Amino acid sequence: MASIAIVSSFVLMFTLILSIISVVNSTDSYYMSARVESCSGCSLNRLPDVKQFIFEDLPQYDNVEFKHIPGAIPELVLFNSHEEEVERLVLSKLTREECNELLVSKGFTKKFKDNKDEM
């Protein structure tokens, strides 16, 4: 009888550990892709930091793209693994550095650069 209780406790503990691991893994990869939506001129010309971020820094990130939408204010749109929009953040009040920090804080990394290409 004691062995059944030990096995039951072990199964319960194992299930709990798997549940915790699942939750941790799902929050680590909550955002699978991102897109910056903005006009390519107009209001963006008044935001030099954001414009530099979009056209110089953004292409360096994995799973992040730019979408030109005439007249749109610059926004970062974050998507989950089902390509559903999860969050939308306005970039117009951020500096170039803050825009980069925001992407990194959401789990996005820069593309791997092969040193052979530079030679």
Protein backbone atom coordinates (compact mmCIF):
# COMPACT_ATOMS: atom_id res chain seq x y z
CA MET A 1 0.00 0.00 0.00
CA ALA A 2 2.88 2.37 0.82
CA SER A 3 4.45 1.73 -2.59
CA ILE A 4 1.23 2.81 -4.33
CA ALA A 5 1.27 6.07 -2.37
CA ILE A 6 4.92 6.65 -3.31
CA VAL A 7 4.22 5.99 -7.00
CA SER A 8 1.17 8.27 -6.92
CA SER A 9 3.23 11.02 -5.28
CA PHE A 10 5.94 10.57 -7.89
CA VAL A 11 3.43 10.79 -10.77
CA LEU A 12 1.85 13.88 -9.26
CA MET A 13 5.25 15.52 -8.75
CA PHE A 14 6.34 14.63 -12.30
CA THR A 15 3.13 16.10 -13.77
CA LEU A 16 3.61 19.28 -11.76
CA ILE A 17 7.20 19.67 -12.95
CA LEU A 18 6.17 19.18 -16.58
CA SER A 19 3.44 21.79 -16.18
CA ILE A 20 5.92 24.31 -14.77
CA ILE A 21 8.40 23.64 -17.58
CA SER A 22 5.63 24.09 -20.14
CA VAL A 23 4.62 27.47 -18.69
CA VAL A 24 8.23 28.68 -18.55
CA ASN A 25 8.89 27.64 -22.14
CA SER A 26 5.71 29.25 -23.41
CA THR A 27 6.53 32.61 -21.82
CA ASP A 28 10.09 32.53 -23.18
CA SER A 29 8.78 32.30 -26.74
CA TYR A 30 5.54 34.22 -26.35
CA TYR A 31 6.38 36.54 -29.24
CA MET A 32 7.33 34.63 -32.37
CA SER A 33 7.49 37.49 -34.85
CA ALA A 34 7.10 41.23 -35.05
CA ARG A 35 6.35 43.88 -37.62
CA VAL A 36 6.89 47.61 -37.54
CA GLU A 37 4.10 49.41 -39.34
CA SER A 38 4.62 53.01 -40.40
CA CYS A 39 4.58 55.45 -43.25
CA SER A 40 8.00 55.66 -44.90
CA GLY A 41 8.13 59.48 -44.86
CA CYS A 42 5.68 62.15 -43.67
CA SER A 43 5.53 61.84 -39.87
CA LEU A 44 8.56 59.57 -39.87
CA ASN A 45 10.71 62.45 -41.16
CA ARG A 46 9.95 64.27 -37.89
CA LEU A 47 11.21 61.25 -35.93
CA PRO A 48 14.86 60.80 -37.02
CA ASP A 49 15.67 58.24 -34.28
CA VAL A 50 12.71 56.03 -35.16
CA LYS A 51 13.42 56.41 -38.89
CA GLN A 52 17.04 55.28 -38.36
CA PHE A 53 15.84 52.38 -36.23
CA ILE A 54 13.39 51.24 -38.93
CA PHE A 55 15.70 51.52 -41.93
CA GLU A 56 19.09 50.71 -40.38
CA ASP A 57 18.55 48.55 -37.29
CA LEU A 58 15.32 46.66 -37.96
CA PRO A 59 16.70 44.61 -40.91
CA GLN A 60 19.34 43.17 -38.56
CA TYR A 61 16.75 41.34 -36.40
CA ASP A 62 15.41 37.83 -36.91
CA ASN A 63 11.64 37.44 -37.39
CA VAL A 64 11.04 41.20 -37.58
CA GLU A 65 9.87 43.04 -40.69
CA PHE A 66 8.78 46.49 -41.82
CA LYS A 67 5.43 47.15 -43.44
CA HIS A 68 4.82 50.47 -45.17
CA ILE A 69 1.36 51.83 -44.46
CA PRO A 70 0.73 55.34 -45.86
CA GLY A 71 -0.04 57.84 -43.11
CA ALA A 72 0.44 55.34 -40.26
CA ILE A 73 2.26 56.27 -37.08
CA PRO A 74 5.20 53.98 -36.25
CA GLU A 75 4.04 50.98 -34.21
CA LEU A 76 5.62 47.69 -33.20
CA VAL A 77 3.14 44.84 -33.68
CA LEU A 78 3.94 41.59 -31.86
CA PHE A 79 2.59 38.19 -32.93
CA ASN A 80 2.37 34.79 -31.21
CA SER A 81 3.15 31.39 -32.75
CA HIS A 82 -0.33 31.32 -34.35
CA GLU A 83 0.41 34.62 -36.13
CA GLU A 84 -2.21 36.34 -33.99
CA GLU A 85 -1.58 39.93 -32.92
CA VAL A 86 -0.75 39.96 -29.22
CA GLU A 87 0.46 43.48 -28.55
CA ARG A 88 0.82 46.83 -30.36
CA LEU A 89 3.24 49.51 -29.11
CA VAL A 90 3.71 53.07 -30.36
CA LEU A 91 7.34 53.91 -31.19
CA SER A 92 7.06 57.65 -31.87
CA LYS A 93 8.14 58.73 -28.37
CA LEU A 94 11.15 56.40 -28.21
CA THR A 95 14.77 57.01 -29.11
CA ARG A 96 16.63 54.74 -31.49
CA GLU A 97 18.32 53.04 -28.53
CA GLU A 98 14.99 52.56 -26.74
CA CYS A 99 13.47 50.98 -29.87
CA ASN A 100 16.34 48.48 -29.99
CA GLU A 101 16.03 47.79 -26.26
CA LEU A 102 12.30 47.21 -26.69
CA LEU A 103 12.86 44.55 -29.35
CA VAL A 104 15.50 42.83 -27.23
CA SER A 105 13.25 42.95 -24.15
CA LYS A 106 10.53 41.19 -26.16
CA GLY A 107 12.97 38.36 -26.97
CA PHE A 108 14.16 39.28 -30.46
CA THR A 109 17.79 38.86 -31.41
CA LYS A 110 19.99 40.17 -34.16
CA LYS A 111 20.77 37.89 -37.08
CA PHE A 112 23.98 35.90 -36.91
CA LYS A 113 26.65 37.58 -39.02
CA ASP A 114 29.20 35.29 -40.66
CA ASN A 115 32.72 36.77 -40.51
CA LYS A 116 33.58 35.11 -43.85
CA ASP A 117 31.26 37.59 -45.59
CA GLU A 118 33.37 40.48 -44.37
CA MET A 119 36.64 39.18 -45.87
